[in-house]
Amino acid sequence: MENIKQIKAEIRKMVQDTVDSGTIGHVQFFTAKIMADRADIQGQDADFYTICARETIVGMVKSAVAKYEKPEAETPILDGFEHLRTAYPVHRGNDHLLVPVHLCTDEELEARASEYEAAANGMRNHAKEIRAYIQERRDQAASQTA
């Protein structure tokens, strides 16, 4: 009997092996492979359990792939760089893919760079608001004690 940790580990390995091979990984393929390896769902409620299992597996696969888009995640870095990932999640049409960086288009990489810049700006603005709040709170406390 398998447990969730084992299945997640299998998915992470499948994703990592795909990245290491330098090929594009399809979320649908990863999901189909995991499901096909466990196709012996029988009985009157088999359709129900298959649907539930597929939804769960899709979520696990998307989570494993999403780690490649988080700057702080422990994902492989391209040799010679400090931050550039070996692969990035990309949407091409209706396909949710994990694409090795050398197979990403310039437009896909530019879009990722823009996302990171927007996130950095948002974080900077958040930090400014926190500091403004601290100052406002200090000013209020000082005016109340005066």
Protein backbone atom coordinates (compact mmCIF):
# COMPACT_ATOMS: atom_id res chain seq x y z
CA MET A 1 0.00 0.00 0.00
CA GLU A 2 1.41 3.36 -1.02
CA ASN A 3 1.10 6.58 0.88
CA ILE A 4 0.93 10.18 -0.32
CA LYS A 5 4.59 10.85 0.51
CA GLN A 6 5.69 8.00 -1.76
CA ILE A 7 3.53 9.23 -4.64
CA LYS A 8 4.77 12.81 -4.22
CA ALA A 9 8.37 11.55 -4.22
CA GLU A 10 7.69 9.56 -7.39
CA ILE A 11 6.21 12.65 -9.06
CA ARG A 12 9.14 14.86 -8.00
CA LYS A 13 11.58 12.28 -9.37
CA MET A 14 9.69 12.02 -12.66
CA VAL A 15 9.70 15.81 -13.01
CA GLN A 16 13.39 16.05 -12.08
CA ASP A 17 14.34 13.23 -14.46
CA THR A 18 12.53 15.03 -17.27
CA VAL A 19 14.36 18.29 -16.54
CA ASP A 20 17.67 16.45 -16.29
CA SER A 21 17.04 14.85 -19.68
CA GLY A 22 16.58 18.31 -21.22
CA THR A 23 13.11 17.56 -22.55
CA ILE A 24 9.81 19.35 -22.10
CA GLY A 25 7.56 17.89 -19.42
CA HIS A 26 3.79 17.91 -19.84
CA VAL A 27 1.63 18.08 -16.72
CA GLN A 28 -0.91 15.91 -18.55
CA PHE A 29 1.75 13.28 -19.31
CA PHE A 30 3.00 13.15 -15.71
CA THR A 31 -0.58 12.76 -14.51
CA ALA A 32 -1.42 10.10 -17.10
CA LYS A 33 1.72 8.12 -16.23
CA ILE A 34 0.96 8.06 -12.51
CA MET A 35 -2.66 7.10 -13.19
CA ALA A 36 -1.72 4.40 -15.73
CA ASP A 37 0.64 2.81 -13.21
CA ARG A 38 -2.32 2.46 -10.83
CA ALA A 39 -5.15 1.60 -13.20
CA ASP A 40 -6.62 -1.26 -11.17
CA ILE A 41 -9.57 0.65 -9.73
CA GLN A 42 -12.56 -1.66 -9.72
CA GLY A 43 -16.12 -1.83 -8.57
CA GLN A 44 -19.32 0.11 -8.82
CA ASP A 45 -17.68 3.38 -7.72
CA ALA A 46 -14.55 3.05 -9.89
CA ASP A 47 -15.41 6.16 -11.95
CA PHE A 48 -15.80 8.23 -8.79
CA TYR A 49 -12.46 7.09 -7.36
CA THR A 50 -10.70 7.56 -10.71
CA ILE A 51 -11.97 11.15 -10.95
CA CYS A 52 -10.92 11.89 -7.37
CA ALA A 53 -7.51 10.29 -7.86
CA ARG A 54 -6.88 12.18 -11.10
CA GLU A 55 -7.73 15.53 -9.47
CA THR A 56 -5.41 14.75 -6.57
CA ILE A 57 -2.58 13.68 -8.87
CA VAL A 58 -3.00 16.76 -11.08
CA GLY A 59 -2.63 18.92 -7.96
CA MET A 60 0.51 17.07 -6.88
CA VAL A 61 2.05 17.33 -10.35
CA LYS A 62 1.25 21.04 -10.62
CA SER A 63 2.82 21.57 -7.20
CA ALA A 64 6.00 19.73 -8.25
CA VAL A 65 6.20 21.77 -11.47
CA ALA A 66 5.39 25.06 -9.70
CA LYS A 67 8.52 24.76 -7.59
CA TYR A 68 10.45 25.75 -10.70
CA GLU A 69 8.79 29.17 -10.78
CA LYS A 70 9.46 30.19 -7.19
CA PRO A 71 12.73 32.10 -6.87
CA GLU A 72 13.34 30.81 -3.34
CA ALA A 73 12.64 27.16 -4.15
CA GLU A 74 15.42 24.63 -4.09
CA THR A 75 15.43 23.81 -7.77
CA PRO A 76 18.42 23.24 -10.02
CA ILE A 77 20.30 26.36 -11.13
CA LEU A 78 21.86 26.56 -14.58
CA ASP A 79 25.65 26.23 -14.44
CA GLY A 80 27.35 29.61 -14.43
CA PHE A 81 24.39 31.44 -12.91
CA GLU A 82 23.20 32.19 -9.39
CA HIS A 83 19.44 32.32 -9.96
CA LEU A 84 18.58 31.09 -13.47
CA ARG A 85 16.65 27.83 -13.24
CA THR A 86 17.32 24.86 -15.47
CA ALA A 87 13.60 24.85 -16.37
CA TYR A 88 10.50 27.02 -16.01
CA PRO A 89 6.76 26.30 -16.02
CA VAL A 90 5.24 27.68 -19.23
CA HIS A 91 1.75 27.77 -20.71
CA ARG A 92 1.68 27.17 -24.42
CA GLY A 93 -1.89 27.24 -25.61
CA ASN A 94 -3.79 24.93 -23.27
CA ASP A 95 -0.69 22.97 -22.33
CA HIS A 96 0.88 23.38 -18.90
CA LEU A 97 4.55 22.53 -19.46
CA LEU A 98 7.86 22.43 -17.66
CA VAL A 99 10.34 23.69 -20.26
CA PRO A 100 14.13 23.47 -19.96
CA VAL A 101 15.53 27.00 -20.12
CA HIS A 102 17.36 26.30 -23.37
CA LEU A 103 14.03 25.44 -25.01
CA CYS A 104 12.15 28.50 -23.68
CA THR A 105 11.52 31.23 -26.21
CA ASP A 106 12.95 34.70 -25.62
CA GLU A 107 9.36 35.90 -25.09
CA GLU A 108 8.72 33.25 -22.41
CA LEU A 109 11.94 34.15 -20.60
CA GLU A 110 11.21 37.88 -20.86
CA ALA A 111 7.72 37.28 -19.43
CA ARG A 112 9.27 35.40 -16.49
CA ALA A 113 11.79 38.21 -15.91
CA SER A 114 8.95 40.75 -15.94
CA GLU A 115 7.00 38.67 -13.40
CA TYR A 116 10.01 38.64 -11.07
CA GLU A 117 10.50 42.41 -11.45
CA ALA A 118 6.82 43.04 -10.69
CA ALA A 119 7.05 40.79 -7.63
CA ALA A 120 10.17 42.61 -6.45
CA ASN A 121 8.45 45.98 -6.88
CA GLY A 122 5.45 44.70 -4.96
CA MET A 123 7.66 43.48 -2.14
CA ARG A 124 9.51 46.81 -2.02
CA ASN A 125 6.20 48.70 -1.85
CA HIS A 126 4.98 46.34 0.88
CA ALA A 127 8.15 47.01 2.88
CA LYS A 128 7.64 50.78 2.49
CA GLU A 129 4.08 50.48 3.79
CA ILE A 130 5.21 48.47 6.80
CA ARG A 131 7.80 51.13 7.65
CA ALA A 132 5.26 53.92 7.12
CA TYR A 133 2.86 52.12 9.46
CA ILE A 134 5.59 51.76 12.11
CA GLN A 135 6.36 55.48 11.85
CA GLU A 136 2.67 56.41 11.98
CA ARG A 137 2.18 54.24 15.06
CA ARG A 138 5.23 55.82 16.74
CA ASP A 139 3.97 59.31 15.90
CA GLN A 140 0.54 58.50 17.37
CA ALA A 141 2.10 57.09 20.55
CA ALA A 142 4.34 60.15 20.89
CA SER A 143 1.41 62.55 20.44
CA GLN A 144 -0.61 60.70 23.08
CA THR A 145 2.19 60.92 25.66
CA ALA A 146 2.86 64.62 24.98
